[in-house]
Amino acid sequence: GEERKEILVKQLEEDSNFLASQGIIDYSVLLGIHEISASGSGEEDPHSIEGIRTSHSKGDWMSESVGQPSIAPKESTTSLWKPCLPGSPSSTMGHKEVPVHRRDAGGMLSSDKRSRYFLGVIDILTPYDTMKILEHRIKGLRWDSKGVSCCPPPMYAERFNKFMRAAFA
């Protein structure tokens, strides 16, 4: 819904502003989609993925080999990692807050509960160094510098945020 969109966009803006402050450009968003049930029967637990344990009785994250069911009791999963919004009563009662984009078995459940989305910022290792500055200036001689793919980090972050805000429905 609209609330989830705003939370995601705000987080992406914070991430891109951090990357800009570090002089990083050329990052992207990768979206993975896991179809839960083709039949729509809803038989799969939306908070678990076979082969991955989301909690352990001691509270640490673990993964097991694919095909091995989790042996963690369901109570521990919900008591240790309770979805909550910042500032809500449950976020201050000893529960670890899980970001909105990771609340459903590490992803985000679709509104029809038939898909799980995994979202992340990738390609965060390109610095805006001397070569990139030269690339921007040379391309700016030929084309409008605001439209050049290689641009200063604050400009890249602004363009990225504008695109992401428009991309989320």
N, C-alpha and C. Protein backbone atom coordinates (compact mmCIF):
# COMPACT_ATOMS: atom_id res chain seq x y z
N GLY A 1 0.80 -1.18 0.00
CA GLY A 1 0.00 0.00 0.00
C GLY A 1 0.85 1.26 0.00
N GLU A 2 0.21 2.35 0.17
CA GLU A 2 0.87 3.66 0.17
C GLU A 2 1.87 3.80 1.31
N GLU A 3 1.54 3.27 2.49
CA GLU A 3 2.45 3.37 3.63
C GLU A 3 3.75 2.61 3.37
N ARG A 4 3.64 1.40 2.82
CA ARG A 4 4.84 0.61 2.49
C ARG A 4 5.68 1.32 1.44
N LYS A 5 5.03 1.91 0.44
CA LYS A 5 5.74 2.64 -0.61
C LYS A 5 6.57 3.76 0.01
N GLU A 6 5.94 4.55 0.88
CA GLU A 6 6.65 5.68 1.50
C GLU A 6 7.83 5.21 2.34
N ILE A 7 7.66 4.11 3.08
CA ILE A 7 8.75 3.58 3.89
C ILE A 7 9.90 3.11 2.99
N LEU A 8 9.58 2.40 1.91
CA LEU A 8 10.61 1.93 0.99
C LEU A 8 11.33 3.08 0.30
N VAL A 9 10.58 4.05 -0.20
CA VAL A 9 11.17 5.19 -0.89
C VAL A 9 12.06 5.98 0.07
N LYS A 10 11.60 6.16 1.29
CA LYS A 10 12.39 6.89 2.28
C LYS A 10 13.71 6.14 2.55
N GLN A 11 13.64 4.82 2.67
CA GLN A 11 14.86 4.04 2.92
C GLN A 11 15.81 4.12 1.73
N LEU A 12 15.27 4.02 0.51
CA LEU A 12 16.12 4.15 -0.68
C LEU A 12 16.74 5.53 -0.77
N GLU A 13 16.00 6.57 -0.39
CA GLU A 13 16.55 7.92 -0.39
C GLU A 13 17.68 8.05 0.63
N GLU A 14 17.49 7.47 1.82
CA GLU A 14 18.55 7.51 2.83
C GLU A 14 19.79 6.76 2.33
N ASP A 15 19.58 5.59 1.72
CA ASP A 15 20.70 4.80 1.20
C ASP A 15 21.44 5.55 0.08
N SER A 16 20.69 6.13 -0.85
CA SER A 16 21.34 6.83 -1.96
C SER A 16 22.03 8.11 -1.48
N ASN A 17 21.48 8.79 -0.48
CA ASN A 17 22.15 9.96 0.07
C ASN A 17 23.44 9.57 0.78
N PHE A 18 23.43 8.43 1.46
CA PHE A 18 24.66 7.92 2.07
C PHE A 18 25.70 7.60 0.99
N LEU A 19 25.27 6.90 -0.06
CA LEU A 19 26.20 6.57 -1.14
C LEU A 19 26.75 7.84 -1.79
N ALA A 20 25.91 8.84 -1.97
CA ALA A 20 26.37 10.11 -2.54
C ALA A 20 27.41 10.76 -1.62
N SER A 21 27.18 10.70 -0.32
CA SER A 21 28.14 11.29 0.62
C SER A 21 29.48 10.56 0.60
N GLN A 22 29.47 9.33 0.13
CA GLN A 22 30.70 8.54 0.02
C GLN A 22 31.31 8.62 -1.37
N GLY A 23 30.69 9.40 -2.27
CA GLY A 23 31.21 9.58 -3.61
C GLY A 23 30.97 8.39 -4.53
N ILE A 24 29.86 7.67 -4.31
CA ILE A 24 29.54 6.46 -5.08
C ILE A 24 28.45 6.77 -6.10
N ILE A 25 28.59 6.21 -7.32
CA ILE A 25 27.59 6.35 -8.38
C ILE A 25 27.36 4.99 -9.03
N ASP A 26 26.47 4.94 -9.99
CA ASP A 26 26.18 3.76 -10.83
C ASP A 26 25.55 2.59 -10.09
N TYR A 27 24.89 2.84 -8.97
CA TYR A 27 24.21 1.77 -8.26
C TYR A 27 22.81 1.59 -8.84
N SER A 28 22.22 0.46 -8.54
CA SER A 28 20.90 0.10 -9.08
C SER A 28 20.11 -0.62 -8.00
N VAL A 29 18.85 -0.91 -8.30
CA VAL A 29 18.02 -1.73 -7.43
C VAL A 29 17.77 -3.05 -8.13
N LEU A 30 17.94 -4.13 -7.39
CA LEU A 30 17.65 -5.46 -7.91
C LEU A 30 16.39 -5.95 -7.21
N LEU A 31 15.43 -6.41 -7.99
CA LEU A 31 14.17 -6.93 -7.45
C LEU A 31 14.06 -8.40 -7.80
N GLY A 32 13.92 -9.22 -6.77
CA GLY A 32 13.69 -10.65 -6.97
C GLY A 32 12.24 -10.96 -6.61
N ILE A 33 11.61 -11.83 -7.38
CA ILE A 33 10.22 -12.19 -7.13
C ILE A 33 10.12 -13.69 -6.96
N HIS A 34 9.58 -14.12 -5.83
CA HIS A 34 9.36 -15.54 -5.55
C HIS A 34 7.86 -15.80 -5.59
N GLU A 35 7.44 -16.62 -6.54
CA GLU A 35 6.03 -16.99 -6.64
C GLU A 35 5.75 -18.04 -5.57
N ILE A 36 4.86 -17.74 -4.64
CA ILE A 36 4.60 -18.63 -3.52
C ILE A 36 3.72 -19.80 -3.92
N SER A 37 2.62 -19.51 -4.60
CA SER A 37 1.69 -20.57 -4.93
C SER A 37 1.01 -20.25 -6.25
N ALA A 38 1.24 -21.11 -7.23
CA ALA A 38 0.61 -20.89 -8.53
C ALA A 38 -0.90 -21.11 -8.44
N SER A 39 -1.31 -22.01 -7.53
CA SER A 39 -2.73 -22.31 -7.41
C SER A 39 -3.48 -21.27 -6.60
N GLY A 40 -2.72 -20.47 -5.84
CA GLY A 40 -3.38 -19.47 -5.01
C GLY A 40 -4.05 -20.06 -3.79
N SER A 41 -3.71 -21.33 -3.47
CA SER A 41 -4.34 -21.99 -2.33
C SER A 41 -3.90 -21.41 -1.01
N GLY A 42 -2.72 -20.75 -1.02
CA GLY A 42 -2.25 -20.13 0.21
C GLY A 42 -1.77 -21.13 1.24
N GLU A 43 -1.44 -22.36 0.82
CA GLU A 43 -1.03 -23.38 1.77
C GLU A 43 0.32 -23.09 2.40
N GLU A 44 1.20 -22.40 1.69
CA GLU A 44 2.52 -22.11 2.23
C GLU A 44 2.41 -21.03 3.29
N ASP A 45 3.13 -21.22 4.38
CA ASP A 45 3.21 -20.21 5.42
C ASP A 45 3.93 -18.99 4.85
N PRO A 46 3.32 -17.82 4.80
CA PRO A 46 3.95 -16.64 4.20
C PRO A 46 5.18 -16.17 4.96
N HIS A 47 5.44 -16.71 6.16
CA HIS A 47 6.59 -16.27 6.96
C HIS A 47 7.72 -17.29 6.97
N SER A 48 7.67 -18.29 6.09
CA SER A 48 8.75 -19.26 6.06
C SER A 48 9.08 -19.66 4.64
N ILE A 49 10.32 -20.05 4.45
CA ILE A 49 10.77 -20.59 3.18
C ILE A 49 11.42 -21.92 3.51
N GLU A 50 11.04 -22.97 2.81
CA GLU A 50 11.61 -24.28 3.08
C GLU A 50 13.12 -24.23 2.94
N GLY A 51 13.80 -24.79 3.94
CA GLY A 51 15.26 -24.85 3.89
C GLY A 51 15.96 -23.70 4.56
N ILE A 52 15.21 -22.71 5.04
CA ILE A 52 15.83 -21.59 5.73
C ILE A 52 15.19 -21.44 7.09
N ARG A 53 16.00 -21.43 8.09
CA ARG A 53 15.50 -21.20 9.44
C ARG A 53 15.64 -19.72 9.72
N THR A 54 14.56 -19.06 10.10
CA THR A 54 14.62 -17.62 10.32
C THR A 54 14.97 -17.27 11.76
N SER A 55 14.91 -18.24 12.68
CA SER A 55 15.33 -17.95 14.04
C SER A 55 15.76 -19.25 14.70
N HIS A 56 16.46 -19.11 15.80
CA HIS A 56 16.95 -20.24 16.57
C HIS A 56 16.59 -19.94 18.02
N SER A 57 16.54 -20.94 18.84
CA SER A 57 16.14 -20.70 20.22
C SER A 57 17.04 -19.69 20.92
N LYS A 58 18.30 -19.56 20.47
CA LYS A 58 19.20 -18.57 21.07
C LYS A 58 19.06 -17.21 20.41
N GLY A 59 18.28 -17.12 19.33
CA GLY A 59 18.02 -15.85 18.70
C GLY A 59 18.95 -15.48 17.57
N ASP A 60 19.85 -16.38 17.16
CA ASP A 60 20.71 -15.99 16.05
C ASP A 60 20.18 -16.54 14.74
N TRP A 61 20.52 -15.85 13.65
CA TRP A 61 20.07 -16.24 12.32
C TRP A 61 20.88 -17.43 11.86
N MET A 62 20.21 -18.38 11.23
CA MET A 62 20.89 -19.56 10.72
C MET A 62 20.27 -19.95 9.39
N SER A 63 21.04 -20.62 8.57
CA SER A 63 20.46 -21.22 7.38
C SER A 63 20.89 -22.67 7.34
N GLU A 64 20.06 -23.49 6.79
CA GLU A 64 20.36 -24.90 6.68
C GLU A 64 20.35 -25.27 5.22
N SER A 65 20.81 -26.46 4.92
CA SER A 65 20.83 -26.87 3.51
C SER A 65 19.40 -26.96 3.00
N VAL A 66 19.25 -26.65 1.71
CA VAL A 66 17.93 -26.64 1.08
C VAL A 66 17.30 -28.02 1.21
N GLY A 67 16.04 -28.06 1.53
CA GLY A 67 15.33 -29.31 1.67
C GLY A 67 15.23 -29.77 3.11
N GLN A 68 16.00 -29.18 4.01
CA GLN A 68 15.92 -29.54 5.41
C GLN A 68 14.94 -28.60 6.10
N PRO A 69 13.86 -29.11 6.65
CA PRO A 69 12.89 -28.22 7.28
C PRO A 69 13.46 -27.60 8.55
N SER A 70 12.97 -26.44 8.87
CA SER A 70 13.38 -25.77 10.09
C SER A 70 12.80 -26.50 11.29
N ILE A 71 13.59 -26.61 12.35
CA ILE A 71 13.09 -27.25 13.55
C ILE A 71 12.81 -26.23 14.65
N ALA A 72 12.98 -24.96 14.33
CA ALA A 72 12.69 -23.91 15.31
C ALA A 72 11.19 -23.84 15.53
N PRO A 73 10.76 -23.78 16.80
CA PRO A 73 9.33 -23.67 17.06
C PRO A 73 8.77 -22.37 16.49
N LYS A 74 7.53 -22.42 16.02
CA LYS A 74 6.90 -21.24 15.44
C LYS A 74 6.86 -20.08 16.44
N GLU A 75 6.71 -20.39 17.73
CA GLU A 75 6.64 -19.33 18.72
C GLU A 75 7.92 -18.50 18.73
N SER A 76 9.08 -19.16 18.57
CA SER A 76 10.33 -18.41 18.63
C SER A 76 10.46 -17.46 17.44
N THR A 77 9.95 -17.86 16.29
CA THR A 77 10.03 -17.00 15.12
C THR A 77 9.24 -15.72 15.35
N THR A 78 8.04 -15.85 15.86
CA THR A 78 7.22 -14.65 16.02
C THR A 78 7.65 -13.84 17.23
N SER A 79 8.18 -14.49 18.28
CA SER A 79 8.56 -13.71 19.45
C SER A 79 9.89 -13.00 19.27
N LEU A 80 10.82 -13.58 18.52
CA LEU A 80 12.12 -12.95 18.34
C LEU A 80 12.12 -11.88 17.26
N TRP A 81 11.41 -12.12 16.17
CA TRP A 81 11.42 -11.19 15.04
C TRP A 81 10.00 -10.75 14.75
N LYS A 82 9.53 -9.83 15.53
CA LYS A 82 8.15 -9.38 15.37
C LYS A 82 8.10 -8.16 14.45
N PRO A 83 7.32 -8.24 13.35
CA PRO A 83 7.20 -7.06 12.49
C PRO A 83 6.56 -5.91 13.25
N CYS A 84 7.16 -4.73 13.17
CA CYS A 84 6.59 -3.58 13.84
C CYS A 84 7.09 -2.31 13.18
N LEU A 85 6.34 -1.26 13.31
CA LEU A 85 6.73 0.04 12.80
C LEU A 85 7.54 0.77 13.86
N PRO A 86 8.47 1.62 13.44
CA PRO A 86 9.26 2.38 14.41
C PRO A 86 8.36 3.17 15.35
N GLY A 87 8.67 3.11 16.64
CA GLY A 87 7.91 3.85 17.63
C GLY A 87 6.67 3.14 18.13
N SER A 88 6.30 2.00 17.52
CA SER A 88 5.13 1.28 18.00
C SER A 88 5.49 0.61 19.32
N PRO A 89 4.48 0.29 20.17
CA PRO A 89 4.78 -0.31 21.47
C PRO A 89 5.63 -1.57 21.37
N SER A 90 5.38 -2.42 20.38
CA SER A 90 6.13 -3.66 20.28
C SER A 90 7.57 -3.43 19.86
N SER A 91 7.88 -2.27 19.24
CA SER A 91 9.25 -2.01 18.82
C SER A 91 10.13 -1.64 20.01
N THR A 92 9.52 -1.30 21.15
CA THR A 92 10.30 -0.91 22.32
C THR A 92 10.20 -1.93 23.44
N MET A 93 9.62 -3.10 23.18
CA MET A 93 9.44 -4.11 24.22
C MET A 93 10.41 -5.27 24.08
N GLY A 94 11.65 -5.03 23.69
CA GLY A 94 12.63 -6.09 23.61
C GLY A 94 12.65 -6.85 22.30
N HIS A 95 11.79 -6.50 21.37
CA HIS A 95 11.78 -7.16 20.06
C HIS A 95 12.73 -6.42 19.14
N LYS A 96 13.43 -7.18 18.31
CA LYS A 96 14.28 -6.56 17.31
C LYS A 96 13.39 -6.12 16.16
N GLU A 97 13.56 -4.86 15.75
CA GLU A 97 12.74 -4.34 14.66
C GLU A 97 13.27 -4.85 13.32
N VAL A 98 12.38 -5.34 12.49
CA VAL A 98 12.73 -5.84 11.18
C VAL A 98 12.25 -4.83 10.14
N PRO A 99 13.13 -4.41 9.22
CA PRO A 99 12.71 -3.45 8.19
C PRO A 99 11.54 -4.00 7.37
N VAL A 100 10.70 -3.10 6.88
CA VAL A 100 9.49 -3.49 6.14
C VAL A 100 9.82 -4.38 4.94
N HIS A 101 10.96 -4.16 4.31
CA HIS A 101 11.31 -4.94 3.12
C HIS A 101 11.89 -6.31 3.46
N ARG A 102 11.95 -6.70 4.76
CA ARG A 102 12.48 -8.01 5.15
C ARG A 102 11.56 -8.76 6.10
N ARG A 103 10.34 -8.31 6.28
CA ARG A 103 9.47 -8.86 7.32
C ARG A 103 8.88 -10.23 7.00
N ASP A 104 8.80 -10.59 5.77
CA ASP A 104 8.17 -11.86 5.39
C ASP A 104 9.23 -12.80 4.86
N ALA A 105 9.86 -13.54 5.77
CA ALA A 105 10.92 -14.50 5.42
C ALA A 105 12.04 -13.83 4.63
N GLY A 106 12.42 -12.64 5.07
CA GLY A 106 13.50 -11.92 4.42
C GLY A 106 13.08 -11.08 3.23
N GLY A 107 11.82 -11.09 2.90
CA GLY A 107 11.31 -10.33 1.76
C GLY A 107 10.07 -9.54 2.16
N MET A 108 9.27 -9.25 1.17
CA MET A 108 8.05 -8.47 1.38
C MET A 108 6.91 -9.19 0.65
N LEU A 109 5.88 -9.55 1.36
CA LEU A 109 4.75 -10.28 0.81
C LEU A 109 3.85 -9.35 -0.01
N SER A 110 3.42 -9.82 -1.18
CA SER A 110 2.52 -9.03 -2.01
C SER A 110 1.15 -8.94 -1.35
N SER A 111 0.35 -7.98 -1.78
CA SER A 111 -0.96 -7.79 -1.16
C SER A 111 -1.88 -8.99 -1.38
N ASP A 112 -1.70 -9.73 -2.49
CA ASP A 112 -2.52 -10.92 -2.71
C ASP A 112 -1.90 -12.18 -2.11
N LYS A 113 -0.74 -12.04 -1.44
CA LYS A 113 -0.04 -13.11 -0.74
C LYS A 113 0.41 -14.25 -1.66
N ARG A 114 0.54 -13.97 -2.97
CA ARG A 114 0.97 -15.00 -3.90
C ARG A 114 2.42 -14.84 -4.31
N SER A 115 3.03 -13.70 -3.96
CA SER A 115 4.42 -13.44 -4.32
C SER A 115 5.16 -12.82 -3.14
N ARG A 116 6.45 -13.08 -3.10
CA ARG A 116 7.32 -12.47 -2.11
C ARG A 116 8.39 -11.71 -2.87
N TYR A 117 8.60 -10.45 -2.53
CA TYR A 117 9.57 -9.60 -3.21
C TYR A 117 10.82 -9.42 -2.36
N PHE A 118 11.97 -9.51 -3.01
CA PHE A 118 13.26 -9.26 -2.37
C PHE A 118 13.89 -8.08 -3.08
N LEU A 119 14.33 -7.08 -2.34
CA LEU A 119 14.77 -5.83 -2.91
C LEU A 119 16.11 -5.43 -2.29
N GLY A 120 17.03 -4.97 -3.14
CA GLY A 120 18.30 -4.52 -2.61
C GLY A 120 19.00 -3.57 -3.57
N VAL A 121 19.83 -2.69 -3.00
CA VAL A 121 20.66 -1.79 -3.79
C VAL A 121 21.94 -2.54 -4.11
N ILE A 122 22.31 -2.57 -5.40
CA ILE A 122 23.48 -3.32 -5.84
C ILE A 122 24.44 -2.40 -6.61
N ASP A 123 25.60 -2.94 -6.93
CA ASP A 123 26.63 -2.22 -7.70
C ASP A 123 27.03 -0.93 -7.00
N ILE A 124 27.46 -1.06 -5.76
CA ILE A 124 27.78 0.12 -4.95
C ILE A 124 29.28 0.40 -4.87
N LEU A 125 30.04 -0.08 -5.83
CA LEU A 125 31.50 0.05 -5.75
C LEU A 125 32.12 0.99 -6.78
N THR A 126 31.32 1.81 -7.46
CA THR A 126 31.86 2.71 -8.47
C THR A 126 32.06 4.10 -7.88
N PRO A 127 33.32 4.49 -7.64
CA PRO A 127 33.56 5.83 -7.10
C PRO A 127 33.51 6.89 -8.20
N TYR A 128 33.09 8.07 -7.82
CA TYR A 128 33.13 9.21 -8.75
C TYR A 128 34.53 9.80 -8.65
N ASP A 129 35.45 9.18 -9.37
CA ASP A 129 36.86 9.57 -9.31
C ASP A 129 37.23 10.46 -10.50
N THR A 130 38.51 10.70 -10.69
CA THR A 130 38.99 11.59 -11.75
C THR A 130 38.51 11.15 -13.12
N MET A 131 38.54 9.86 -13.39
CA MET A 131 38.09 9.35 -14.69
C MET A 131 36.60 9.63 -14.91
N LYS A 132 35.80 9.46 -13.88
CA LYS A 132 34.36 9.71 -13.99
C LYS A 132 34.08 11.21 -14.14
N ILE A 133 34.85 12.03 -13.45
CA ILE A 133 34.69 13.48 -13.59
C ILE A 133 34.99 13.90 -15.03
N LEU A 134 36.08 13.36 -15.58
CA LEU A 134 36.43 13.65 -16.97
C LEU A 134 35.36 13.15 -17.93
N GLU A 135 34.87 11.95 -17.69
CA GLU A 135 33.80 11.38 -18.53
C GLU A 135 32.58 12.31 -18.52
N HIS A 136 32.20 12.78 -17.34
CA HIS A 136 31.03 13.67 -17.23
C HIS A 136 31.26 14.97 -18.00
N ARG A 137 32.43 15.54 -17.84
CA ARG A 137 32.72 16.83 -18.50
C ARG A 137 32.80 16.68 -20.02
N ILE A 138 33.44 15.62 -20.49
CA ILE A 138 33.56 15.41 -21.94
C ILE A 138 32.20 15.15 -22.56
N LYS A 139 31.41 14.29 -21.94
CA LYS A 139 30.07 14.02 -22.47
C LYS A 139 29.19 15.25 -22.37
N GLY A 140 29.44 16.09 -21.33
CA GLY A 140 28.68 17.32 -21.15
C GLY A 140 28.94 18.35 -22.24
N LEU A 141 30.09 18.23 -22.92
CA LEU A 141 30.37 19.13 -24.04
C LEU A 141 29.47 18.82 -25.23
N ARG A 142 29.14 17.56 -25.39
CA ARG A 142 28.34 17.10 -26.53
C ARG A 142 26.84 17.12 -26.24
N TRP A 143 26.46 16.70 -25.03
CA TRP A 143 25.05 16.60 -24.65
C TRP A 143 24.80 17.43 -23.39
N ASP A 144 23.54 17.58 -23.05
CA ASP A 144 23.17 18.28 -21.81
C ASP A 144 23.76 17.51 -20.63
N SER A 145 24.52 18.16 -19.78
CA SER A 145 25.22 17.48 -18.68
C SER A 145 24.27 16.83 -17.68
N LYS A 146 23.04 17.34 -17.59
CA LYS A 146 22.07 16.72 -16.67
C LYS A 146 21.55 15.39 -17.20
N GLY A 147 21.67 15.17 -18.51
CA GLY A 147 21.19 13.92 -19.11
C GLY A 147 22.28 12.88 -19.30
N VAL A 148 23.52 13.24 -19.00
CA VAL A 148 24.64 12.32 -19.17
C VAL A 148 24.56 11.23 -18.09
N SER A 149 24.78 9.98 -18.49
CA SER A 149 24.66 8.87 -17.54
C SER A 149 25.65 8.98 -16.38
N CYS A 150 26.86 9.39 -16.66
CA CYS A 150 27.86 9.58 -15.62
C CYS A 150 27.74 11.00 -15.08
N CYS A 151 27.41 11.13 -13.80
CA CYS A 151 27.22 12.45 -13.22
C CYS A 151 27.69 12.46 -11.76
N PRO A 152 27.87 13.63 -11.18
CA PRO A 152 28.31 13.73 -9.79
C PRO A 152 27.35 12.99 -8.84
N PRO A 153 27.87 12.46 -7.74
CA PRO A 153 27.04 11.66 -6.81
C PRO A 153 25.74 12.33 -6.35
N PRO A 154 25.72 13.61 -5.97
CA PRO A 154 24.43 14.19 -5.56
C PRO A 154 23.41 14.21 -6.70
N MET A 155 23.87 14.49 -7.91
CA MET A 155 22.99 14.50 -9.07
C MET A 155 22.50 13.07 -9.36
N TYR A 156 23.40 12.09 -9.24
CA TYR A 156 23.02 10.69 -9.48
C TYR A 156 21.96 10.26 -8.46
N ALA A 157 22.18 10.61 -7.18
CA ALA A 157 21.23 10.24 -6.13
C ALA A 157 19.86 10.88 -6.38
N GLU A 158 19.86 12.15 -6.77
CA GLU A 158 18.60 12.85 -7.05
C GLU A 158 17.85 12.17 -8.20
N ARG A 159 18.56 11.84 -9.27
CA ARG A 159 17.94 11.17 -10.43
C ARG A 159 17.45 9.78 -10.05
N PHE A 160 18.24 9.04 -9.28
CA PHE A 160 17.87 7.70 -8.80
C PHE A 160 16.59 7.78 -7.96
N ASN A 161 16.56 8.71 -7.02
CA ASN A 161 15.39 8.84 -6.13
C ASN A 161 14.13 9.23 -6.89
N LYS A 162 14.27 10.12 -7.85
CA LYS A 162 13.13 10.53 -8.68
C LYS A 162 12.58 9.32 -9.45
N PHE A 163 13.48 8.53 -10.03
CA PHE A 163 13.05 7.35 -10.77
C PHE A 163 12.38 6.33 -9.85
N MET A 164 12.98 6.07 -8.68
CA MET A 164 12.42 5.07 -7.77
C MET A 164 11.05 5.50 -7.25
N ARG A 165 10.90 6.77 -6.94
CA ARG A 165 9.59 7.25 -6.47
C ARG A 165 8.52 7.02 -7.54
N ALA A 166 8.88 7.25 -8.82
CA ALA A 166 7.91 7.05 -9.91
C ALA A 166 7.70 5.56 -10.20
N ALA A 167 8.71 4.73 -9.94
CA ALA A 167 8.63 3.30 -10.27
C ALA A 167 7.69 2.52 -9.34
N PHE A 168 7.60 2.94 -8.08
CA PHE A 168 6.72 2.23 -7.14
C PHE A 168 5.29 2.67 -7.37
N ALA A 169 4.43 1.71 -7.60
CA ALA A 169 3.01 2.01 -7.86
C ALA A 169 2.26 2.29 -6.58
